[in-house]
């Protein structure tokens, strides 16, 4: 049984060069999943986009090292009817 793994990295060429199959582009070495210089809301949005890219990577079948990048646009919240 294979368990998919996605690695979030600020320097994605390193895990890609050693054969990691699912690599997600992070922000910086100190803050891989966020940017403390942003407002709280924008930092949270960035973190969610990186997390969504990692979840997409986990659900994607790959057979070679692949880089996944967070979406440029903020995620839209689903609208639910009551």
Protein backbone atom coordinates (compact mmCIF):
# COMPACT_ATOMS: atom_id res chain seq x y z
CA UNK A 1 0.00 0.00 0.00
CA UNK A 2 1.38 3.41 -0.98
CA UNK A 3 0.51 6.48 1.04
CA UNK A 4 0.76 9.73 -0.94
CA UNK A 5 2.86 12.50 0.58
CA UNK A 6 3.14 16.16 -0.39
CA UNK A 7 6.16 18.13 0.78
CA UNK A 8 5.84 21.90 1.17
CA UNK A 9 9.18 23.60 0.51
CA UNK A 10 10.43 27.15 0.07
CA UNK A 11 13.27 25.71 -2.03
CA UNK A 12 11.43 23.14 -4.15
CA UNK A 13 14.37 22.28 -6.38
CA UNK A 14 15.98 20.37 -3.49
CA UNK A 15 13.17 17.84 -2.89
CA UNK A 16 12.51 17.64 -6.65
CA UNK A 17 16.17 16.85 -7.33
CA UNK A 18 16.17 13.96 -4.84
CA UNK A 19 12.99 12.47 -6.29
CA UNK A 20 10.12 13.70 -4.09
CA UNK A 21 7.04 13.15 -6.24
CA UNK A 22 4.73 15.86 -4.89
CA UNK A 23 6.34 19.15 -3.93
CA UNK A 24 4.34 22.29 -3.09
CA UNK A 25 5.94 25.73 -3.45
CA UNK A 26 6.17 27.42 -0.05
CA UNK A 27 6.96 31.05 0.78
CA UNK A 28 10.28 31.26 2.63
CA UNK A 29 12.54 29.07 4.74
CA UNK A 30 11.52 30.85 7.95
CA UNK A 31 7.77 30.83 7.15
CA UNK A 32 7.03 28.04 4.70
CA UNK A 33 3.23 28.32 4.86
CA UNK A 34 2.74 32.04 5.45
CA UNK A 35 4.12 35.54 5.36
CA UNK A 36 4.07 37.42 8.70
CA UNK A 37 4.54 40.76 6.92
CA UNK A 38 1.03 40.45 5.44
CA UNK A 39 -2.16 41.38 7.27
CA UNK A 40 -3.71 38.57 9.29
CA UNK A 41 -6.40 38.06 6.64
CA UNK A 42 -3.98 37.96 3.69
CA UNK A 43 -1.58 35.67 5.58
CA UNK A 44 -4.45 33.30 6.35
CA UNK A 45 -5.52 33.35 2.69
CA UNK A 46 -1.97 32.54 1.59
CA UNK A 47 -1.77 29.68 4.10
CA UNK A 48 -5.08 28.30 2.81
CA UNK A 49 -3.92 28.49 -0.83
CA UNK A 50 -0.73 26.58 0.03
CA UNK A 51 -2.75 24.00 1.97
CA UNK A 52 -5.19 23.63 -0.92
CA UNK A 53 -2.27 23.09 -3.32
CA UNK A 54 -0.97 20.36 -0.99
CA UNK A 55 -4.37 18.67 -0.90
CA UNK A 56 -4.57 18.87 -4.69
CA UNK A 57 -1.11 17.31 -4.88
CA UNK A 58 -2.20 14.45 -2.61
CA UNK A 59 -5.15 13.72 -4.89
CA UNK A 60 -3.14 13.85 -8.11
CA UNK A 61 -1.60 10.71 -9.56
CA UNK A 62 2.04 11.39 -10.49
CA UNK A 63 4.82 9.15 -11.75
CA UNK A 64 7.72 11.60 -11.54
CA UNK A 65 8.73 14.58 -9.38
CA UNK A 66 6.07 17.28 -9.83
CA UNK A 67 5.86 20.86 -8.54
CA UNK A 68 2.47 22.15 -7.40
CA UNK A 69 2.07 25.90 -6.93
CA UNK A 70 -0.62 27.69 -4.92
CA UNK A 71 -3.26 29.53 -6.93
CA UNK A 72 -2.61 33.23 -7.47
CA UNK A 73 -6.20 34.16 -6.73
CA UNK A 74 -7.66 34.00 -3.24
CA UNK A 75 -9.93 31.04 -2.67
CA UNK A 76 -13.61 31.80 -2.94
CA UNK A 77 -15.75 30.63 -0.08
CA UNK A 78 -18.64 28.42 -1.10
CA UNK A 79 -22.07 29.99 -0.69
CA UNK A 80 -24.58 27.78 1.09
CA UNK A 81 -28.31 28.31 0.94
CA UNK A 82 -30.10 28.03 4.26
